[in-house]
Amino acid sequence: MNRAIGIALIVVGVLLIGFGINATNSLGSDVSRFFTGTPTDRSIWLLLGGVVATIVGSLISFKKGAA
């Protein structure tokens, strides 16, 4: 059961990273980057959420004793 949850978190994390990269390359993010030097908050949160979900999913999936 834990392994399935971990794999699901990895998949969700990879999807969030993909959406975050896509949002970083959007027009709104380009405008924000022009004025502030950083992409939009939405793209940053998508990337961070994806990284955290992938790490947690990896820890759950590959933990010793996971069934």
N, C-alpha and C. Protein backbone atom coordinates (compact mmCIF):
# COMPACT_ATOMS: atom_id res chain seq x y z
N MET A 1 0.82 -1.20 0.00
CA MET A 1 0.00 0.00 0.00
C MET A 1 0.87 1.26 0.00
N ASN A 2 1.90 1.27 0.84
CA ASN A 2 2.78 2.43 0.89
C ASN A 2 3.49 2.67 -0.44
N ARG A 3 3.88 1.59 -1.08
CA ARG A 3 4.59 1.73 -2.35
C ARG A 3 3.69 2.36 -3.41
N ALA A 4 2.42 1.99 -3.42
CA ALA A 4 1.48 2.57 -4.39
C ALA A 4 1.30 4.07 -4.13
N ILE A 5 1.20 4.45 -2.87
CA ILE A 5 1.07 5.87 -2.53
C ILE A 5 2.33 6.63 -2.95
N GLY A 6 3.48 6.02 -2.70
CA GLY A 6 4.74 6.66 -3.08
C GLY A 6 4.86 6.85 -4.58
N ILE A 7 4.49 5.85 -5.33
CA ILE A 7 4.56 5.95 -6.79
C ILE A 7 3.57 6.99 -7.29
N ALA A 8 2.39 7.05 -6.68
CA ALA A 8 1.40 8.07 -7.06
C ALA A 8 1.95 9.47 -6.78
N LEU A 9 2.63 9.65 -5.65
CA LEU A 9 3.22 10.95 -5.34
C LEU A 9 4.33 11.31 -6.33
N ILE A 10 5.10 10.33 -6.75
CA ILE A 10 6.14 10.59 -7.74
C ILE A 10 5.51 11.06 -9.05
N VAL A 11 4.46 10.38 -9.48
CA VAL A 11 3.78 10.75 -10.73
C VAL A 11 3.19 12.16 -10.62
N VAL A 12 2.53 12.45 -9.50
CA VAL A 12 1.95 13.78 -9.30
C VAL A 12 3.06 14.82 -9.27
N GLY A 13 4.16 14.51 -8.61
CA GLY A 13 5.28 15.44 -8.55
C GLY A 13 5.87 15.75 -9.92
N VAL A 14 6.02 14.73 -10.74
CA VAL A 14 6.56 14.95 -12.08
C VAL A 14 5.58 15.79 -12.91
N LEU A 15 4.28 15.53 -12.75
CA LEU A 15 3.29 16.34 -13.47
C LEU A 15 3.34 17.79 -13.02
N LEU A 16 3.45 18.02 -11.71
CA LEU A 16 3.52 19.39 -11.21
C LEU A 16 4.77 20.10 -11.71
N ILE A 17 5.88 19.39 -11.77
CA ILE A 17 7.11 19.99 -12.31
C ILE A 17 6.90 20.36 -13.78
N GLY A 18 6.26 19.49 -14.53
CA GLY A 18 5.98 19.79 -15.94
C GLY A 18 5.08 21.00 -16.09
N PHE A 19 4.02 21.08 -15.27
CA PHE A 19 3.14 22.25 -15.31
C PHE A 19 3.89 23.51 -14.89
N GLY A 20 4.78 23.38 -13.91
CA GLY A 20 5.56 24.53 -13.45
C GLY A 20 6.50 25.04 -14.52
N ILE A 21 7.15 24.14 -15.23
CA ILE A 21 8.04 24.54 -16.32
C ILE A 21 7.23 25.22 -17.43
N ASN A 22 6.06 24.66 -17.72
CA ASN A 22 5.19 25.25 -18.73
C ASN A 22 4.73 26.65 -18.29
N ALA A 23 4.39 26.81 -17.02
CA ALA A 23 3.94 28.11 -16.51
C ALA A 23 5.09 29.11 -16.50
N THR A 24 6.31 28.64 -16.29
CA THR A 24 7.47 29.52 -16.28
C THR A 24 7.71 30.11 -17.67
N ASN A 25 7.35 29.37 -18.71
CA ASN A 25 7.56 29.84 -20.07
C ASN A 25 6.35 30.58 -20.65
N SER A 26 5.36 30.91 -19.80
CA SER A 26 4.15 31.58 -20.29
C SER A 26 4.38 33.08 -20.45
N LEU A 27 3.44 33.72 -21.13
CA LEU A 27 3.52 35.16 -21.35
C LEU A 27 3.45 35.94 -20.04
N GLY A 28 2.55 35.51 -19.14
CA GLY A 28 2.43 36.19 -17.85
C GLY A 28 3.71 36.11 -17.04
N SER A 29 4.36 34.98 -17.10
CA SER A 29 5.62 34.81 -16.39
C SER A 29 6.72 35.66 -17.04
N ASP A 30 6.68 35.78 -18.37
CA ASP A 30 7.66 36.63 -19.06
C ASP A 30 7.50 38.10 -18.66
N VAL A 31 6.25 38.54 -18.55
CA VAL A 31 6.00 39.92 -18.13
C VAL A 31 6.46 40.13 -16.70
N SER A 32 6.15 39.19 -15.82
CA SER A 32 6.59 39.28 -14.43
C SER A 32 8.12 39.28 -14.34
N ARG A 33 8.75 38.43 -15.13
CA ARG A 33 10.21 38.36 -15.12
C ARG A 33 10.83 39.66 -15.63
N PHE A 34 10.18 40.33 -16.58
CA PHE A 34 10.69 41.58 -17.12
C PHE A 34 10.70 42.67 -16.04
N PHE A 35 9.61 42.74 -15.24
CA PHE A 35 9.50 43.80 -14.25
C PHE A 35 10.16 43.45 -12.91
N THR A 36 10.07 42.20 -12.49
CA THR A 36 10.57 41.84 -11.16
C THR A 36 11.84 41.01 -11.18
N GLY A 37 12.13 40.40 -12.30
CA GLY A 37 13.30 39.53 -12.39
C GLY A 37 13.04 38.09 -12.00
N THR A 38 11.80 37.79 -11.58
CA THR A 38 11.44 36.42 -11.20
C THR A 38 10.16 36.02 -11.92
N PRO A 39 9.95 34.73 -12.13
CA PRO A 39 8.68 34.28 -12.74
C PRO A 39 7.53 34.45 -11.75
N THR A 40 6.32 34.14 -12.19
CA THR A 40 5.14 34.32 -11.34
C THR A 40 5.18 33.38 -10.14
N ASP A 41 4.44 33.75 -9.10
CA ASP A 41 4.36 32.92 -7.90
C ASP A 41 3.77 31.55 -8.20
N ARG A 42 2.81 31.51 -9.10
CA ARG A 42 2.16 30.24 -9.45
C ARG A 42 3.17 29.24 -10.00
N SER A 43 4.03 29.69 -10.88
CA SER A 43 5.00 28.77 -11.46
C SER A 43 6.01 28.31 -10.41
N ILE A 44 6.38 29.19 -9.51
CA ILE A 44 7.32 28.81 -8.46
C ILE A 44 6.68 27.78 -7.52
N TRP A 45 5.42 28.00 -7.14
CA TRP A 45 4.73 27.05 -6.26
C TRP A 45 4.53 25.70 -6.93
N LEU A 46 4.23 25.69 -8.23
CA LEU A 46 4.09 24.42 -8.94
C LEU A 46 5.41 23.66 -8.94
N LEU A 47 6.50 24.35 -9.21
CA LEU A 47 7.81 23.69 -9.21
C LEU A 47 8.18 23.17 -7.83
N LEU A 48 8.00 23.99 -6.80
CA LEU A 48 8.33 23.56 -5.44
C LEU A 48 7.45 22.39 -4.99
N GLY A 49 6.16 22.48 -5.28
CA GLY A 49 5.26 21.38 -4.93
C GLY A 49 5.63 20.09 -5.63
N GLY A 50 6.02 20.20 -6.88
CA GLY A 50 6.43 19.02 -7.63
C GLY A 50 7.69 18.39 -7.08
N VAL A 51 8.65 19.22 -6.71
CA VAL A 51 9.90 18.70 -6.15
C VAL A 51 9.63 18.01 -4.80
N VAL A 52 8.83 18.66 -3.96
CA VAL A 52 8.52 18.07 -2.64
C VAL A 52 7.75 16.77 -2.80
N ALA A 53 6.75 16.74 -3.66
CA ALA A 53 5.97 15.52 -3.87
C ALA A 53 6.84 14.39 -4.42
N THR A 54 7.75 14.72 -5.32
CA THR A 54 8.64 13.70 -5.88
C THR A 54 9.58 13.15 -4.82
N ILE A 55 10.13 14.02 -3.98
CA ILE A 55 11.04 13.57 -2.93
C ILE A 55 10.31 12.71 -1.91
N VAL A 56 9.14 13.17 -1.46
CA VAL A 56 8.37 12.40 -0.47
C VAL A 56 7.94 11.06 -1.07
N GLY A 57 7.50 11.07 -2.31
CA GLY A 57 7.12 9.83 -2.96
C GLY A 57 8.27 8.87 -3.10
N SER A 58 9.45 9.38 -3.39
CA SER A 58 10.64 8.52 -3.49
C SER A 58 11.00 7.93 -2.14
N LEU A 59 10.92 8.74 -1.10
CA LEU A 59 11.23 8.23 0.24
C LEU A 59 10.25 7.15 0.67
N ILE A 60 8.98 7.36 0.37
CA ILE A 60 7.97 6.38 0.74
C ILE A 60 8.13 5.10 -0.08
N SER A 61 8.37 5.25 -1.38
CA SER A 61 8.44 4.08 -2.27
C SER A 61 9.66 3.21 -2.01
N PHE A 62 10.78 3.86 -1.78
CA PHE A 62 12.03 3.09 -1.71
C PHE A 62 12.51 2.87 -0.28
N LYS A 63 11.63 3.18 0.69
CA LYS A 63 11.97 2.93 2.08
C LYS A 63 12.05 1.42 2.31
N LYS A 64 13.01 1.03 3.09
CA LYS A 64 13.18 -0.38 3.38
C LYS A 64 11.95 -0.89 4.11
N GLY A 65 11.41 -1.98 3.67
CA GLY A 65 10.24 -2.57 4.30
C GLY A 65 8.92 -2.13 3.70
N ALA A 66 8.95 -1.31 2.67
CA ALA A 66 7.70 -0.90 2.02
C ALA A 66 7.14 -2.08 1.24
N ALA A 67 5.87 -2.34 1.44
CA ALA A 67 5.26 -3.50 0.79
C ALA A 67 4.57 -3.12 -0.48
